[in-house]
């Protein structure tokens, strides 16, 4: 069962990472996918030098670079998960904990400190692309609420307790 889940999760990561990379590369010539809704923001990004580079690049190019490197990371993670799923019985002991650690790092990066607590921002917003989108989202909603979110929150709580102690 773990092999199927690793291959399925890795495949989804590879598809989404690949689409993200393609959209990023298409935005080099004709920005329309990963751009702000307000065109003046994109123009301001293109006209604003990045302080770290001392004028060597602008915010728009940094944005494109970040998006492309992010998509390569997602592709690498997906490929590693597929590879691990295909070799789950012959893997070194540390591979599956390493994949779990990477997932926990992504989850912990979604924690934001507020005035009196930490808020967990982690989600994927889905735009309705056809009349089947609401049906599909309704179909996977119980799986997300009963399997994915409780498991994710348990791992975040365990990491939090190991790092900062119980509350």
N, C-alpha and C. Protein backbone atom coordinates (compact mmCIF):
# COMPACT_ATOMS: atom_id res chain seq x y z
N UNK A 1 0.81 -1.19 0.00
CA UNK A 1 0.00 0.00 0.00
C UNK A 1 0.87 1.27 0.00
N UNK A 2 1.98 1.24 0.75
CA UNK A 2 2.83 2.43 0.81
C UNK A 2 3.45 2.71 -0.56
N UNK A 3 3.76 1.67 -1.31
CA UNK A 3 4.34 1.86 -2.64
C UNK A 3 3.35 2.59 -3.56
N UNK A 4 2.09 2.19 -3.51
CA UNK A 4 1.07 2.82 -4.35
C UNK A 4 0.91 4.29 -3.97
N UNK A 5 0.88 4.57 -2.67
CA UNK A 5 0.72 5.96 -2.23
C UNK A 5 1.93 6.81 -2.62
N UNK A 6 3.14 6.26 -2.49
CA UNK A 6 4.33 7.01 -2.90
C UNK A 6 4.32 7.30 -4.39
N UNK A 7 3.98 6.31 -5.19
CA UNK A 7 3.95 6.50 -6.64
C UNK A 7 2.86 7.48 -7.04
N UNK A 8 1.68 7.37 -6.42
CA UNK A 8 0.58 8.28 -6.72
C UNK A 8 0.93 9.71 -6.31
N UNK A 9 1.43 9.88 -5.09
CA UNK A 9 1.82 11.21 -4.64
C UNK A 9 2.95 11.80 -5.46
N UNK A 10 3.93 10.97 -5.81
CA UNK A 10 5.03 11.44 -6.65
C UNK A 10 4.57 11.83 -8.03
N UNK A 11 3.64 11.07 -8.58
CA UNK A 11 3.11 11.40 -9.91
C UNK A 11 2.38 12.74 -9.90
N UNK A 12 1.57 12.96 -8.87
CA UNK A 12 0.87 14.23 -8.76
C UNK A 12 1.87 15.38 -8.62
N UNK A 13 2.89 15.18 -7.80
CA UNK A 13 3.92 16.22 -7.64
C UNK A 13 4.63 16.49 -8.96
N UNK A 14 4.96 15.45 -9.70
CA UNK A 14 5.65 15.64 -10.98
C UNK A 14 4.77 16.37 -12.00
N UNK A 15 3.50 16.03 -12.06
CA UNK A 15 2.60 16.70 -13.00
C UNK A 15 2.48 18.18 -12.63
N UNK A 16 2.21 18.45 -11.35
CA UNK A 16 2.04 19.85 -10.95
C UNK A 16 3.35 20.63 -11.04
N UNK A 17 4.46 20.02 -10.66
CA UNK A 17 5.76 20.68 -10.79
C UNK A 17 6.11 20.95 -12.24
N UNK A 18 5.80 19.99 -13.11
CA UNK A 18 6.06 20.17 -14.54
C UNK A 18 5.22 21.30 -15.13
N UNK A 19 3.93 21.33 -14.76
CA UNK A 19 3.07 22.43 -15.24
C UNK A 19 3.57 23.78 -14.73
N UNK A 20 4.00 23.80 -13.48
CA UNK A 20 4.52 25.04 -12.90
C UNK A 20 5.76 25.49 -13.66
N UNK A 21 6.64 24.57 -14.00
CA UNK A 21 7.85 24.92 -14.76
C UNK A 21 7.49 25.41 -16.16
N UNK A 22 6.56 24.75 -16.81
CA UNK A 22 6.14 25.16 -18.16
C UNK A 22 5.53 26.56 -18.11
N UNK A 23 4.63 26.81 -17.15
CA UNK A 23 4.01 28.14 -17.03
C UNK A 23 5.07 29.20 -16.74
N UNK A 24 6.04 28.85 -15.92
CA UNK A 24 7.10 29.82 -15.61
C UNK A 24 7.90 30.15 -16.86
N UNK A 25 8.27 29.14 -17.64
CA UNK A 25 9.05 29.39 -18.85
C UNK A 25 8.22 30.16 -19.89
N UNK A 26 6.92 29.87 -19.97
CA UNK A 26 6.07 30.62 -20.89
C UNK A 26 5.96 32.09 -20.47
N UNK A 27 6.04 32.35 -19.16
CA UNK A 27 5.96 33.72 -18.67
C UNK A 27 7.20 34.55 -18.99
N UNK A 28 8.27 33.91 -19.43
CA UNK A 28 9.46 34.68 -19.82
C UNK A 28 9.16 35.57 -21.02
N UNK A 29 8.41 35.06 -21.97
CA UNK A 29 8.11 35.81 -23.19
C UNK A 29 6.79 36.57 -23.11
N UNK A 30 5.77 35.90 -22.60
CA UNK A 30 4.44 36.50 -22.57
C UNK A 30 3.83 36.27 -21.18
N UNK A 31 4.12 37.15 -20.22
CA UNK A 31 3.63 36.92 -18.86
C UNK A 31 2.11 36.91 -18.77
N UNK A 32 1.54 35.75 -18.43
CA UNK A 32 0.10 35.66 -18.24
C UNK A 32 -0.34 34.57 -17.28
N UNK A 33 0.57 33.73 -16.80
CA UNK A 33 0.16 32.62 -15.92
C UNK A 33 0.45 32.92 -14.46
N UNK A 34 1.69 33.16 -14.12
CA UNK A 34 2.09 33.37 -12.73
C UNK A 34 2.39 34.84 -12.49
N UNK A 35 1.42 35.66 -12.80
CA UNK A 35 1.59 37.10 -12.71
C UNK A 35 0.53 37.70 -11.79
N UNK A 36 0.81 38.88 -11.24
CA UNK A 36 -0.21 39.55 -10.44
C UNK A 36 -1.42 39.92 -11.29
N UNK A 37 -2.57 40.01 -10.67
CA UNK A 37 -3.79 40.40 -11.38
C UNK A 37 -3.69 41.84 -11.86
N UNK A 38 -3.10 42.68 -11.04
CA UNK A 38 -2.93 44.09 -11.39
C UNK A 38 -1.66 44.25 -12.22
N UNK A 39 -1.77 44.65 -13.49
CA UNK A 39 -0.58 44.77 -14.34
C UNK A 39 0.44 45.78 -13.83
N UNK A 40 -0.01 46.77 -13.07
CA UNK A 40 0.94 47.76 -12.56
C UNK A 40 1.90 47.14 -11.54
N UNK A 41 1.47 46.09 -10.86
CA UNK A 41 2.35 45.41 -9.91
C UNK A 41 3.49 44.71 -10.66
N UNK A 42 3.15 44.03 -11.75
CA UNK A 42 4.19 43.37 -12.55
C UNK A 42 5.15 44.40 -13.13
N UNK A 43 4.62 45.54 -13.56
CA UNK A 43 5.48 46.60 -14.09
C UNK A 43 6.39 47.15 -13.00
N UNK A 44 5.84 47.31 -11.80
CA UNK A 44 6.65 47.79 -10.67
C UNK A 44 7.74 46.78 -10.32
N UNK A 45 7.42 45.49 -10.40
CA UNK A 45 8.42 44.45 -10.13
C UNK A 45 9.55 44.53 -11.16
N UNK A 46 9.19 44.75 -12.42
CA UNK A 46 10.20 44.81 -13.48
C UNK A 46 11.08 46.06 -13.35
N UNK A 47 10.54 47.12 -12.75
CA UNK A 47 11.29 48.37 -12.62
C UNK A 47 12.01 48.49 -11.28
N UNK A 48 11.87 47.51 -10.41
CA UNK A 48 12.47 47.58 -9.09
C UNK A 48 13.68 46.65 -9.01
N UNK A 49 14.85 47.23 -8.78
CA UNK A 49 16.07 46.43 -8.66
C UNK A 49 16.06 45.67 -7.34
N UNK A 50 16.67 44.53 -7.35
CA UNK A 50 16.79 43.71 -6.15
C UNK A 50 18.02 44.18 -5.38
N UNK A 51 17.84 44.60 -4.15
CA UNK A 51 18.93 45.15 -3.35
C UNK A 51 20.06 44.15 -3.18
N UNK A 52 19.73 42.89 -2.98
CA UNK A 52 20.74 41.86 -2.77
C UNK A 52 21.69 41.75 -3.96
N UNK A 53 21.19 41.96 -5.17
CA UNK A 53 22.04 41.82 -6.36
C UNK A 53 22.72 43.13 -6.75
N UNK A 54 22.48 44.19 -5.99
CA UNK A 54 23.07 45.51 -6.26
C UNK A 54 22.79 45.97 -7.69
N UNK A 55 21.53 45.80 -8.08
CA UNK A 55 21.12 46.27 -9.40
C UNK A 55 21.36 45.28 -10.52
N UNK A 56 21.84 44.09 -10.20
CA UNK A 56 22.12 43.10 -11.23
C UNK A 56 20.88 42.43 -11.80
N UNK A 57 19.80 42.49 -11.07
CA UNK A 57 18.55 41.92 -11.55
C UNK A 57 17.40 42.70 -10.94
N UNK A 58 16.20 42.44 -11.44
CA UNK A 58 15.03 43.11 -10.90
C UNK A 58 14.11 42.09 -10.22
N UNK A 59 13.09 42.58 -9.57
CA UNK A 59 12.19 41.71 -8.82
C UNK A 59 11.44 40.73 -9.74
N UNK A 60 11.14 41.16 -10.96
CA UNK A 60 10.42 40.27 -11.87
C UNK A 60 11.27 39.05 -12.23
N UNK A 61 12.54 39.27 -12.54
CA UNK A 61 13.43 38.15 -12.86
C UNK A 61 13.67 37.27 -11.64
N UNK A 62 13.75 37.88 -10.46
CA UNK A 62 13.88 37.10 -9.24
C UNK A 62 12.63 36.24 -9.02
N UNK A 63 11.46 36.81 -9.32
CA UNK A 63 10.19 36.08 -9.19
C UNK A 63 10.17 34.88 -10.14
N UNK A 64 10.59 35.09 -11.37
CA UNK A 64 10.64 33.99 -12.34
C UNK A 64 11.63 32.93 -11.87
N UNK A 65 12.80 33.35 -11.39
CA UNK A 65 13.80 32.40 -10.90
C UNK A 65 13.29 31.60 -9.72
N UNK A 66 12.62 32.26 -8.78
CA UNK A 66 12.06 31.55 -7.63
C UNK A 66 11.03 30.52 -8.08
N UNK A 67 10.14 30.92 -8.98
CA UNK A 67 9.11 29.98 -9.43
C UNK A 67 9.72 28.79 -10.15
N UNK A 68 10.74 29.04 -10.98
CA UNK A 68 11.35 27.93 -11.71
C UNK A 68 12.10 26.99 -10.76
N UNK A 69 12.84 27.56 -9.81
CA UNK A 69 13.56 26.68 -8.87
C UNK A 69 12.59 25.92 -7.99
N UNK A 70 11.47 26.54 -7.63
CA UNK A 70 10.45 25.83 -6.86
C UNK A 70 9.89 24.65 -7.64
N UNK A 71 9.61 24.87 -8.92
CA UNK A 71 9.05 23.77 -9.72
C UNK A 71 10.07 22.65 -9.89
N UNK A 72 11.36 22.99 -10.01
CA UNK A 72 12.37 21.93 -10.09
C UNK A 72 12.44 21.14 -8.79
N UNK A 73 12.29 21.83 -7.65
CA UNK A 73 12.27 21.14 -6.36
C UNK A 73 11.09 20.20 -6.24
N UNK A 74 9.92 20.63 -6.70
CA UNK A 74 8.73 19.77 -6.66
C UNK A 74 8.92 18.57 -7.59
N UNK A 75 9.52 18.80 -8.77
CA UNK A 75 9.80 17.69 -9.68
C UNK A 75 10.77 16.69 -9.06
N UNK A 76 11.80 17.19 -8.41
CA UNK A 76 12.76 16.31 -7.75
C UNK A 76 12.11 15.50 -6.63
N UNK A 77 11.30 16.18 -5.82
CA UNK A 77 10.58 15.49 -4.75
C UNK A 77 9.67 14.41 -5.31
N UNK A 78 8.93 14.73 -6.37
CA UNK A 78 8.04 13.74 -7.00
C UNK A 78 8.81 12.57 -7.57
N UNK A 79 9.92 12.85 -8.23
CA UNK A 79 10.73 11.76 -8.79
C UNK A 79 11.30 10.87 -7.69
N UNK A 80 11.73 11.48 -6.59
CA UNK A 80 12.24 10.70 -5.46
C UNK A 80 11.14 9.83 -4.85
N UNK A 81 9.93 10.37 -4.75
CA UNK A 81 8.81 9.59 -4.21
C UNK A 81 8.45 8.43 -5.14
N UNK A 82 8.44 8.66 -6.45
CA UNK A 82 8.16 7.57 -7.40
C UNK A 82 9.25 6.52 -7.31
N UNK A 83 10.50 6.95 -7.27
CA UNK A 83 11.61 6.02 -7.16
C UNK A 83 11.49 5.19 -5.88
N UNK A 84 11.17 5.87 -4.77
CA UNK A 84 11.03 5.16 -3.50
C UNK A 84 9.87 4.18 -3.55
N UNK A 85 8.77 4.58 -4.22
CA UNK A 85 7.63 3.67 -4.33
C UNK A 85 7.95 2.43 -5.15
N UNK A 86 8.78 2.58 -6.16
CA UNK A 86 9.15 1.43 -6.99
C UNK A 86 10.13 0.50 -6.28
N UNK A 87 10.86 1.02 -5.31
CA UNK A 87 11.88 0.23 -4.62
C UNK A 87 11.65 0.16 -3.11
N UNK A 88 10.41 0.24 -2.70
CA UNK A 88 10.11 0.37 -1.27
C UNK A 88 10.65 -0.81 -0.45
N UNK A 89 10.72 -1.98 -1.02
CA UNK A 89 11.22 -3.14 -0.26
C UNK A 89 12.74 -3.23 -0.25
N UNK A 90 13.42 -2.48 -1.12
CA UNK A 90 14.88 -2.54 -1.21
C UNK A 90 15.55 -1.23 -0.83
N UNK A 91 14.82 -0.33 -0.20
CA UNK A 91 15.35 0.99 0.12
C UNK A 91 16.24 0.97 1.36
N UNK A 92 17.21 1.87 1.38
CA UNK A 92 17.92 2.08 2.65
C UNK A 92 16.94 2.60 3.69
N UNK A 93 17.26 2.39 4.92
CA UNK A 93 16.35 2.72 6.01
C UNK A 93 16.00 4.21 6.06
N UNK A 94 16.90 5.09 5.66
CA UNK A 94 16.70 6.52 5.84
C UNK A 94 15.86 7.22 4.80
N UNK A 95 15.48 6.57 3.70
CA UNK A 95 14.78 7.27 2.62
C UNK A 95 13.38 7.70 3.04
N UNK A 96 12.58 6.80 3.59
CA UNK A 96 11.21 7.17 3.94
C UNK A 96 11.17 8.22 5.04
N UNK A 97 12.01 8.14 6.08
CA UNK A 97 12.03 9.26 7.03
C UNK A 97 12.47 10.57 6.37
N UNK A 98 13.36 10.50 5.38
CA UNK A 98 13.79 11.72 4.69
C UNK A 98 12.61 12.34 3.94
N UNK A 99 11.81 11.52 3.26
CA UNK A 99 10.62 12.04 2.58
C UNK A 99 9.64 12.65 3.58
N UNK A 100 9.48 11.99 4.72
CA UNK A 100 8.59 12.51 5.76
C UNK A 100 9.12 13.84 6.28
N UNK A 101 10.43 13.93 6.47
CA UNK A 101 11.03 15.17 6.96
C UNK A 101 10.81 16.31 5.97
N UNK A 102 10.96 16.04 4.68
CA UNK A 102 10.73 17.07 3.67
C UNK A 102 9.27 17.53 3.73
N UNK A 103 8.34 16.60 3.85
CA UNK A 103 6.93 16.97 3.98
C UNK A 103 6.67 17.81 5.21
N UNK A 104 7.31 17.46 6.33
CA UNK A 104 7.14 18.24 7.57
C UNK A 104 7.73 19.64 7.42
N UNK A 105 8.84 19.76 6.70
CA UNK A 105 9.43 21.08 6.49
C UNK A 105 8.47 21.96 5.69
N UNK A 106 7.85 21.39 4.65
CA UNK A 106 6.85 22.14 3.90
C UNK A 106 5.70 22.54 4.80
N UNK A 107 5.25 21.62 5.64
CA UNK A 107 4.12 21.91 6.53
C UNK A 107 4.50 22.98 7.55
N UNK A 108 5.68 22.89 8.14
CA UNK A 108 6.09 23.88 9.13
C UNK A 108 6.32 25.25 8.51
N UNK A 109 6.67 25.29 7.24
CA UNK A 109 6.86 26.58 6.59
C UNK A 109 5.54 27.31 6.40
N UNK A 110 4.42 26.61 6.58
CA UNK A 110 3.11 27.24 6.46
C UNK A 110 2.62 27.83 7.77
N UNK A 111 3.42 27.70 8.85
CA UNK A 111 3.04 28.29 10.13
C UNK A 111 3.39 29.78 10.15
N UNK A 112 2.44 30.59 10.56
CA UNK A 112 2.65 32.02 10.64
C UNK A 112 2.32 32.47 12.06
N UNK A 113 3.22 33.24 12.66
CA UNK A 113 2.99 33.72 14.02
C UNK A 113 2.03 34.91 13.99
N UNK A 114 0.99 34.83 14.83
CA UNK A 114 0.06 35.95 15.00
C UNK A 114 0.27 36.53 16.39
N UNK A 115 -0.58 37.43 16.82
CA UNK A 115 -0.39 38.12 18.10
C UNK A 115 -0.35 37.16 19.28
N UNK A 116 -1.21 36.15 19.29
CA UNK A 116 -1.26 35.27 20.44
C UNK A 116 -1.26 33.78 20.09
N UNK A 117 -0.94 33.46 18.87
CA UNK A 117 -0.95 32.04 18.47
C UNK A 117 -0.19 31.88 17.16
N UNK A 118 -0.13 30.66 16.70
CA UNK A 118 0.41 30.38 15.37
C UNK A 118 -0.75 29.95 14.49
N UNK A 119 -0.79 30.45 13.27
CA UNK A 119 -1.84 30.10 12.34
C UNK A 119 -1.22 29.25 11.24
N UNK A 120 -1.93 28.23 10.80
CA UNK A 120 -1.44 27.29 9.81
C UNK A 120 -2.08 27.61 8.46
N UNK A 121 -1.29 28.14 7.53
CA UNK A 121 -1.78 28.46 6.19
C UNK A 121 -1.18 27.46 5.21
N UNK A 122 -1.98 26.56 4.78
CA UNK A 122 -1.49 25.56 3.84
C UNK A 122 -2.69 25.08 3.04
N UNK A 123 -2.71 25.33 1.79
CA UNK A 123 -3.85 24.89 1.00
C UNK A 123 -3.60 25.12 -0.47
N UNK A 124 -4.44 24.53 -1.24
CA UNK A 124 -4.42 24.70 -2.68
C UNK A 124 -5.78 25.25 -3.07
N UNK A 125 -5.78 26.38 -3.72
CA UNK A 125 -7.02 26.97 -4.15
C UNK A 125 -7.31 26.52 -5.56
N UNK A 126 -8.51 26.03 -5.78
CA UNK A 126 -8.86 25.44 -7.06
C UNK A 126 -9.87 26.34 -7.76
N UNK A 127 -9.52 26.73 -8.97
CA UNK A 127 -10.45 27.51 -9.79
C UNK A 127 -11.32 26.54 -10.56
N UNK A 128 -12.60 26.80 -10.61
CA UNK A 128 -13.51 25.93 -11.33
C UNK A 128 -13.21 26.04 -12.83
N UNK A 129 -12.84 24.91 -13.43
CA UNK A 129 -12.49 24.93 -14.85
C UNK A 129 -13.55 24.25 -15.71
N UNK A 130 -14.46 23.53 -15.09
CA UNK A 130 -15.56 22.92 -15.82
C UNK A 130 -16.70 22.63 -14.85
N UNK A 131 -17.76 22.08 -15.35
CA UNK A 131 -18.89 21.77 -14.47
C UNK A 131 -18.60 20.58 -13.56
N UNK A 132 -17.50 19.86 -13.82
CA UNK A 132 -17.14 18.71 -12.99
C UNK A 132 -16.26 19.08 -11.79
N UNK A 133 -15.72 20.30 -11.78
CA UNK A 133 -14.85 20.71 -10.68
C UNK A 133 -15.54 20.61 -9.33
N UNK A 134 -16.76 21.18 -9.14
CA UNK A 134 -17.41 21.04 -7.83
C UNK A 134 -17.67 19.58 -7.46
N UNK A 135 -18.01 18.75 -8.44
CA UNK A 135 -18.23 17.33 -8.16
C UNK A 135 -16.94 16.66 -7.69
N UNK A 136 -15.84 16.95 -8.39
CA UNK A 136 -14.54 16.37 -8.02
C UNK A 136 -14.12 16.83 -6.63
N UNK A 137 -14.25 18.13 -6.36
CA UNK A 137 -13.86 18.65 -5.05
C UNK A 137 -14.73 18.04 -3.95
N UNK A 138 -16.01 17.87 -4.22
CA UNK A 138 -16.90 17.22 -3.24
C UNK A 138 -16.52 15.77 -3.02
N UNK A 139 -16.03 15.12 -4.07
CA UNK A 139 -15.64 13.72 -3.98
C UNK A 139 -14.38 13.54 -3.12
N UNK A 140 -13.41 14.44 -3.26
CA UNK A 140 -12.17 14.28 -2.50
C UNK A 140 -12.23 14.95 -1.13
N UNK A 141 -13.27 15.76 -0.87
CA UNK A 141 -13.35 16.48 0.39
C UNK A 141 -13.31 15.57 1.62
N UNK A 142 -14.08 14.47 1.66
CA UNK A 142 -13.99 13.60 2.85
C UNK A 142 -12.59 13.02 3.04
N UNK A 143 -11.92 12.67 1.96
CA UNK A 143 -10.56 12.13 2.05
C UNK A 143 -9.62 13.18 2.65
N UNK A 144 -9.75 14.42 2.19
CA UNK A 144 -8.90 15.48 2.73
C UNK A 144 -9.17 15.70 4.22
N UNK A 145 -10.44 15.74 4.60
CA UNK A 145 -10.78 16.05 5.99
C UNK A 145 -10.57 14.88 6.95
N UNK A 146 -10.72 13.66 6.46
CA UNK A 146 -10.60 12.50 7.34
C UNK A 146 -9.23 11.85 7.34
N UNK A 147 -8.46 12.03 6.26
CA UNK A 147 -7.16 11.36 6.16
C UNK A 147 -6.01 12.36 6.11
N UNK A 148 -6.05 13.27 5.14
CA UNK A 148 -4.90 14.14 4.88
C UNK A 148 -4.68 15.14 6.01
N UNK A 149 -5.70 15.93 6.33
CA UNK A 149 -5.51 16.98 7.34
C UNK A 149 -5.18 16.43 8.72
N UNK A 150 -5.89 15.41 9.23
CA UNK A 150 -5.51 14.89 10.55
C UNK A 150 -4.08 14.35 10.58
N UNK A 151 -3.68 13.64 9.54
CA UNK A 151 -2.32 13.11 9.50
C UNK A 151 -1.30 14.24 9.45
N UNK A 152 -1.56 15.25 8.64
CA UNK A 152 -0.65 16.39 8.52
C UNK A 152 -0.55 17.13 9.85
N UNK A 153 -1.68 17.36 10.49
CA UNK A 153 -1.65 18.08 11.76
C UNK A 153 -0.98 17.27 12.87
N UNK A 154 -1.14 15.95 12.86
CA UNK A 154 -0.44 15.10 13.84
C UNK A 154 1.07 15.21 13.67
N UNK A 155 1.53 15.18 12.42
CA UNK A 155 2.97 15.27 12.20
C UNK A 155 3.49 16.65 12.57
N UNK A 156 2.72 17.70 12.29
CA UNK A 156 3.14 19.05 12.67
C UNK A 156 3.18 19.16 14.19
N UNK A 157 2.16 18.62 14.88
CA UNK A 157 2.13 18.67 16.34
C UNK A 157 3.31 17.91 16.94
N UNK A 158 3.62 16.74 16.36
CA UNK A 158 4.75 15.96 16.88
C UNK A 158 6.06 16.71 16.68
N UNK A 159 6.26 17.32 15.50
CA UNK A 159 7.48 18.10 15.25
C UNK A 159 7.54 19.30 16.18
N UNK A 160 6.41 19.94 16.37
CA UNK A 160 6.37 21.10 17.25
C UNK A 160 6.74 20.71 18.67
N UNK A 161 6.15 19.60 19.16
CA UNK A 161 6.43 19.16 20.52
C UNK A 161 7.89 18.74 20.70
N UNK A 162 8.47 18.11 19.66
CA UNK A 162 9.89 17.75 19.74
C UNK A 162 10.77 19.00 19.78
N UNK A 163 10.40 20.01 19.01
CA UNK A 163 11.22 21.22 18.92
C UNK A 163 11.01 22.18 20.09
N UNK A 164 9.76 22.35 20.50
CA UNK A 164 9.46 23.41 21.46
C UNK A 164 8.81 22.91 22.75
N UNK A 165 8.61 21.61 22.87
CA UNK A 165 7.96 21.07 24.07
C UNK A 165 6.45 21.10 23.94
N UNK A 166 5.78 20.38 24.82
CA UNK A 166 4.32 20.31 24.76
C UNK A 166 3.74 21.60 25.32
N UNK A 167 2.52 21.89 24.87
CA UNK A 167 1.86 23.14 25.33
C UNK A 167 0.80 22.84 26.35
